[in-house]
Amino acid sequence: MNLFLALLILMLISSVWTVMSRSVLKAAIGLSVTSAILTILIFLMGSPLAAVFELSVCTGLITVIFVSTISLAKPLTHKEIVEMAASRIKRYWYLPVIVAVSGFLLSLTRLKADFVTAPSVPADVRDVMWNMRQLDLFGQILVIIVGAIGVVVLFTERQGDE
């Protein structure tokens, strides 16, 4: 239990460092460290196949893609970075409100999740996804929505720069 707690604290520290770092390269490296710690946690929880995928895809491939993209990008000046941050705050002030409302609605739904024990009899995939792993499904949907919003923000900023 102490090992899990220590790894979770390390993952929290590395993820906060990733989000707060001003350098995009340091953020990509921080994301890789966070993913590596998550890989260890997944392995310790008894899912080695998922840990291998996390290690190879998220820690390895995604980091390589990020670092290569960063090396091809033109660096911004300090003034441009400050102006972009100010315009982001003005354009996306409502996002924390959406997150708070989503968290509140999630707490009201009382989703069932079976994280520790596997079903004793083989279940149908539909039964597992819709009745036993609702919280996982909600998380996957949330990740897809956040990714789509990130792509929209990225392309909106790129079009405005030209």
C-alpha atoms as a PDB file:
ATOM      1  CA  MET A   1       0.000   0.000   0.000  1.00  0.00           C
ATOM      2  CA  ASN A   2       2.883   2.372   0.772  1.00  0.00           C
ATOM      3  CA  LEU A   3       4.396   1.680  -2.651  1.00  0.00           C
ATOM      4  CA  PHE A   4       1.108   2.544  -4.380  1.00  0.00           C
ATOM      5  CA  LEU A   5       0.794   5.736  -2.363  1.00  0.00           C
ATOM      6  CA  ALA A   6       4.389   6.752  -3.132  1.00  0.00           C
ATOM      7  CA  LEU A   7       3.889   6.082  -6.846  1.00  0.00           C
ATOM      8  CA  LEU A   8       0.625   8.040  -6.883  1.00  0.00           C
ATOM      9  CA  ILE A   9       2.316  10.993  -5.177  1.00  0.00           C
ATOM     10  CA  LEU A  10       5.194  10.833  -7.685  1.00  0.00           C
ATOM     11  CA  MET A  11       2.710  10.668 -10.552  1.00  0.00           C
ATOM     12  CA  LEU A  12       0.838  13.679  -9.159  1.00  0.00           C
ATOM     13  CA  ILE A  13       4.082  15.660  -8.836  1.00  0.00           C
ATOM     14  CA  SER A  14       5.226  14.783 -12.354  1.00  0.00           C
ATOM     15  CA  SER A  15       1.830  15.583 -13.868  1.00  0.00           C
ATOM     16  CA  VAL A  16       1.695  18.967 -12.119  1.00  0.00           C
ATOM     17  CA  TRP A  17       5.259  19.654 -13.304  1.00  0.00           C
ATOM     18  CA  THR A  18       4.183  18.683 -16.829  1.00  0.00           C
ATOM     19  CA  VAL A  19       1.255  21.084 -16.817  1.00  0.00           C
ATOM     20  CA  MET A  20       3.112  23.950 -15.149  1.00  0.00           C
ATOM     21  CA  SER A  21       6.357  23.841 -17.123  1.00  0.00           C
ATOM     22  CA  ARG A  22       6.845  26.676 -19.577  1.00  0.00           C
ATOM     23  CA  SER A  23       8.994  24.695 -21.981  1.00  0.00           C
ATOM     24  CA  VAL A  24       7.087  22.415 -24.329  1.00  0.00           C
ATOM     25  CA  LEU A  25      10.025  20.003 -24.421  1.00  0.00           C
ATOM     26  CA  LYS A  26      10.061  19.745 -20.615  1.00  0.00           C
ATOM     27  CA  ALA A  27       6.301  19.188 -20.688  1.00  0.00           C
ATOM     28  CA  ALA A  28       6.720  16.313 -23.164  1.00  0.00           C
ATOM     29  CA  ILE A  29       9.390  14.746 -20.965  1.00  0.00           C
ATOM     30  CA  GLY A  30       7.180  15.215 -17.903  1.00  0.00           C
ATOM     31  CA  LEU A  31       4.330  13.501 -19.722  1.00  0.00           C
ATOM     32  CA  SER A  32       6.641  10.602 -20.463  1.00  0.00           C
ATOM     33  CA  VAL A  33       7.666  10.346 -16.800  1.00  0.00           C
ATOM     34  CA  THR A  34       4.016  10.441 -15.717  1.00  0.00           C
ATOM     35  CA  SER A  35       3.201   7.698 -18.193  1.00  0.00           C
ATOM     36  CA  ALA A  36       6.137   5.577 -16.996  1.00  0.00           C
ATOM     37  CA  ILE A  37       4.921   5.819 -13.394  1.00  0.00           C
ATOM     38  CA  LEU A  38       1.425   4.908 -14.569  1.00  0.00           C
ATOM     39  CA  THR A  39       2.932   1.889 -16.335  1.00  0.00           C
ATOM     40  CA  ILE A  40       4.443   0.699 -13.061  1.00  0.00           C
ATOM     41  CA  LEU A  41       1.110   1.139 -11.298  1.00  0.00           C
ATOM     42  CA  ILE A  42      -0.765  -0.777 -13.990  1.00  0.00           C
ATOM     43  CA  PHE A  43       1.759  -3.607 -13.806  1.00  0.00           C
ATOM     44  CA  LEU A  44       1.543  -3.778 -10.017  1.00  0.00           C
ATOM     45  CA  MET A  45      -2.246  -3.938 -10.249  1.00  0.00           C
ATOM     46  CA  GLY A  46      -1.938  -7.177 -12.200  1.00  0.00           C
ATOM     47  CA  SER A  47      -2.422  -6.065 -15.783  1.00  0.00           C
ATOM     48  CA  PRO A  48       0.913  -6.649 -17.531  1.00  0.00           C
ATOM     49  CA  LEU A  49      -0.487  -6.476 -21.068  1.00  0.00           C
ATOM     50  CA  ALA A  50      -2.004  -3.041 -20.464  1.00  0.00           C
ATOM     51  CA  ALA A  51       1.284  -1.969 -18.854  1.00  0.00           C
ATOM     52  CA  VAL A  52       3.242  -3.030 -21.942  1.00  0.00           C
ATOM     53  CA  PHE A  53       0.922  -1.026 -24.199  1.00  0.00           C
ATOM     54  CA  GLU A  54       1.148   2.004 -21.908  1.00  0.00           C
ATOM     55  CA  LEU A  55       4.929   1.784 -21.882  1.00  0.00           C
ATOM     56  CA  SER A  56       5.390   1.280 -25.608  1.00  0.00           C
ATOM     57  CA  VAL A  57       2.722   3.633 -26.933  1.00  0.00           C
ATOM     58  CA  CYS A  58       2.342   6.410 -24.376  1.00  0.00           C
ATOM     59  CA  THR A  59       5.793   6.522 -22.835  1.00  0.00           C
ATOM     60  CA  GLY A  60       7.695   5.697 -26.009  1.00  0.00           C
ATOM     61  CA  LEU A  61       5.888   6.495 -29.235  1.00  0.00           C
ATOM     62  CA  ILE A  62       3.935   9.554 -28.128  1.00  0.00           C
ATOM     63  CA  THR A  63       7.027  11.110 -26.543  1.00  0.00           C
ATOM     64  CA  VAL A  64       9.041  10.569 -29.720  1.00  0.00           C
ATOM     65  CA  ILE A  65       6.277  12.154 -31.806  1.00  0.00           C
ATOM     66  CA  PHE A  66       6.027  15.134 -29.433  1.00  0.00           C
ATOM     67  CA  VAL A  67       9.785  15.721 -29.314  1.00  0.00           C
ATOM     68  CA  SER A  68      10.130  15.473 -33.107  1.00  0.00           C
ATOM     69  CA  THR A  69       7.225  17.873 -33.617  1.00  0.00           C
ATOM     70  CA  ILE A  70       8.688  20.314 -31.097  1.00  0.00           C
ATOM     71  CA  SER A  71      12.025  20.238 -32.906  1.00  0.00           C
ATOM     72  CA  LEU A  72      10.289  21.172 -36.169  1.00  0.00           C
ATOM     73  CA  ALA A  73       8.233  24.024 -34.698  1.00  0.00           C
ATOM     74  CA  LYS A  74       9.275  27.666 -34.655  1.00  0.00           C
ATOM     75  CA  PRO A  75       9.886  28.903 -31.093  1.00  0.00           C
ATOM     76  CA  LEU A  76       7.706  31.765 -29.877  1.00  0.00           C
ATOM     77  CA  THR A  77       9.005  34.925 -28.264  1.00  0.00           C
ATOM     78  CA  HIS A  78       8.144  35.723 -24.661  1.00  0.00           C
ATOM     79  CA  LYS A  79       5.736  38.459 -25.780  1.00  0.00           C
ATOM     80  CA  GLU A  80       3.876  36.043 -28.080  1.00  0.00           C
ATOM     81  CA  ILE A  81       3.578  33.466 -25.289  1.00  0.00           C
ATOM     82  CA  VAL A  82       2.108  36.042 -22.887  1.00  0.00           C
ATOM     83  CA  GLU A  83      -0.355  37.281 -25.526  1.00  0.00           C
ATOM     84  CA  MET A  84      -1.476  33.723 -26.344  1.00  0.00           C
ATOM     85  CA  ALA A  85      -1.993  32.896 -22.659  1.00  0.00           C
ATOM     86  CA  ALA A  86      -4.085  36.037 -22.131  1.00  0.00           C
ATOM     87  CA  SER A  87      -6.237  35.320 -25.181  1.00  0.00           C
ATOM     88  CA  ARG A  88      -6.751  31.693 -24.067  1.00  0.00           C
ATOM     89  CA  ILE A  89      -7.968  32.824 -20.670  1.00  0.00           C
ATOM     90  CA  LYS A  90     -10.430  35.213 -22.294  1.00  0.00           C
ATOM     91  CA  ARG A  91     -11.703  32.629 -24.807  1.00  0.00           C
ATOM     92  CA  TYR A  92     -11.956  29.586 -22.553  1.00  0.00           C
ATOM     93  CA  TRP A  93     -13.015  30.972 -19.171  1.00  0.00           C
ATOM     94  CA  TYR A  94     -16.037  28.658 -19.131  1.00  0.00           C
ATOM     95  CA  LEU A  95     -14.058  25.373 -19.192  1.00  0.00           C
ATOM     96  CA  PRO A  96     -13.540  25.190 -15.387  1.00  0.00           C
ATOM     97  CA  VAL A  97     -17.298  25.656 -15.005  1.00  0.00           C
ATOM     98  CA  ILE A  98     -17.926  22.722 -17.370  1.00  0.00           C
ATOM     99  CA  VAL A  99     -15.487  20.550 -15.409  1.00  0.00           C
ATOM    100  CA  ALA A 100     -17.136  21.462 -12.094  1.00  0.00           C
ATOM    101  CA  VAL A 101     -20.637  20.750 -13.419  1.00  0.00           C
ATOM    102  CA  SER A 102     -19.449  17.442 -14.938  1.00  0.00           C
ATOM    103  CA  GLY A 103     -17.903  16.406 -11.622  1.00  0.00           C
ATOM    104  CA  PHE A 104     -21.095  17.308  -9.793  1.00  0.00           C
ATOM    105  CA  LEU A 105     -23.238  15.338 -12.249  1.00  0.00           C
ATOM    106  CA  LEU A 106     -20.864  12.382 -11.997  1.00  0.00           C
ATOM    107  CA  SER A 107     -21.182  12.401  -8.218  1.00  0.00           C
ATOM    108  CA  LEU A 108     -24.979  12.327  -8.559  1.00  0.00           C
ATOM    109  CA  THR A 109     -25.098   9.379 -10.958  1.00  0.00           C
ATOM    110  CA  ARG A 110     -23.489   6.867  -8.568  1.00  0.00           C
ATOM    111  CA  LEU A 111     -21.863   4.873 -11.360  1.00  0.00           C
ATOM    112  CA  LYS A 112     -21.031   1.266 -10.546  1.00  0.00           C
ATOM    113  CA  ALA A 113     -17.455   0.136 -11.065  1.00  0.00           C
ATOM    114  CA  ASP A 114     -15.819  -3.183 -10.293  1.00  0.00           C
ATOM    115  CA  PHE A 115     -12.112  -2.391 -10.100  1.00  0.00           C
ATOM    116  CA  VAL A 116     -10.783  -5.211  -7.950  1.00  0.00           C
ATOM    117  CA  THR A 117     -12.594  -8.445  -8.688  1.00  0.00           C
ATOM    118  CA  ALA A 118     -13.219  -9.983 -12.069  1.00  0.00           C
ATOM    119  CA  PRO A 119     -16.524 -11.708 -12.754  1.00  0.00           C
ATOM    120  CA  SER A 120     -16.482 -15.392 -11.882  1.00  0.00           C
ATOM    121  CA  VAL A 121     -18.287 -16.447 -15.061  1.00  0.00           C
ATOM    122  CA  PRO A 122     -17.427 -15.225 -18.545  1.00  0.00           C
ATOM    123  CA  ALA A 123     -19.770 -12.378 -19.350  1.00  0.00           C
ATOM    124  CA  ASP A 124     -20.897 -10.950 -22.631  1.00  0.00           C
ATOM    125  CA  VAL A 125     -18.912  -7.906 -23.772  1.00  0.00           C
ATOM    126  CA  ARG A 126     -22.069  -5.772 -23.759  1.00  0.00           C
ATOM    127  CA  ASP A 127     -22.819  -6.804 -20.191  1.00  0.00           C
ATOM    128  CA  VAL A 128     -19.294  -5.973 -19.046  1.00  0.00           C
ATOM    129  CA  MET A 129     -19.157  -2.565 -20.772  1.00  0.00           C
ATOM    130  CA  TRP A 130     -22.631  -1.295 -19.896  1.00  0.00           C
ATOM    131  CA  ASN A 131     -23.261  -2.886 -16.505  1.00  0.00           C
ATOM    132  CA  MET A 132     -19.896  -3.507 -14.853  1.00  0.00           C
ATOM    133  CA  ARG A 133     -17.430  -0.974 -16.278  1.00  0.00           C
ATOM    134  CA  GLN A 134     -19.533   2.192 -16.533  1.00  0.00           C
ATOM    135  CA  LEU A 135     -16.897   4.378 -14.911  1.00  0.00           C
ATOM    136  CA  ASP A 136     -14.254   3.174 -17.400  1.00  0.00           C
ATOM    137  CA  LEU A 137     -16.609   3.907 -20.270  1.00  0.00           C
ATOM    138  CA  PHE A 138     -17.284   7.379 -18.889  1.00  0.00           C
ATOM    139  CA  GLY A 139     -13.527   7.992 -18.644  1.00  0.00           C
ATOM    140  CA  GLN A 140     -12.964   6.922 -22.244  1.00  0.00           C
ATOM    141  CA  ILE A 141     -15.743   9.209 -23.461  1.00  0.00           C
ATOM    142  CA  LEU A 142     -14.274  12.073 -21.434  1.00  0.00           C
ATOM    143  CA  VAL A 143     -10.805  11.516 -22.918  1.00  0.00           C
ATOM    144  CA  ILE A 144     -12.237  11.551 -26.460  1.00  0.00           C
ATOM    145  CA  ILE A 145     -14.121  14.800 -25.791  1.00  0.00           C
ATOM    146  CA  VAL A 146     -11.051  16.479 -24.251  1.00  0.00           C
ATOM    147  CA  GLY A 147      -8.925  15.346 -27.212  1.00  0.00           C
ATOM    148  CA  ALA A 148     -11.441  16.781 -29.669  1.00  0.00           C
ATOM    149  CA  ILE A 149     -11.505  20.097 -27.793  1.00  0.00           C
ATOM    150  CA  GLY A 150      -7.687  20.121 -27.803  1.00  0.00           C
ATOM    151  CA  VAL A 151      -7.572  19.618 -31.579  1.00  0.00           C
ATOM    152  CA  VAL A 152     -10.120  22.403 -32.091  1.00  0.00           C
ATOM    153  CA  VAL A 153      -8.095  24.753 -29.877  1.00  0.00           C
ATOM    154  CA  LEU A 154      -4.858  23.849 -31.670  1.00  0.00           C
ATOM    155  CA  PHE A 155      -6.240  24.463 -35.144  1.00  0.00           C
ATOM    156  CA  THR A 156      -8.089  27.625 -34.074  1.00  0.00           C
ATOM    157  CA  GLU A 157      -4.848  29.131 -32.780  1.00  0.00           C
ATOM    158  CA  ARG A 158      -2.936  28.080 -35.899  1.00  0.00           C
ATOM    159  CA  GLN A 159      -5.462  29.727 -38.218  1.00  0.00           C
ATOM    160  CA  GLY A 160      -5.422  32.914 -36.159  1.00  0.00           C
ATOM    161  CA  ASP A 161      -1.618  33.148 -36.316  1.00  0.00           C
ATOM    162  CA  GLU A 162      -1.490  33.207 -40.110  1.00  0.00           C
END
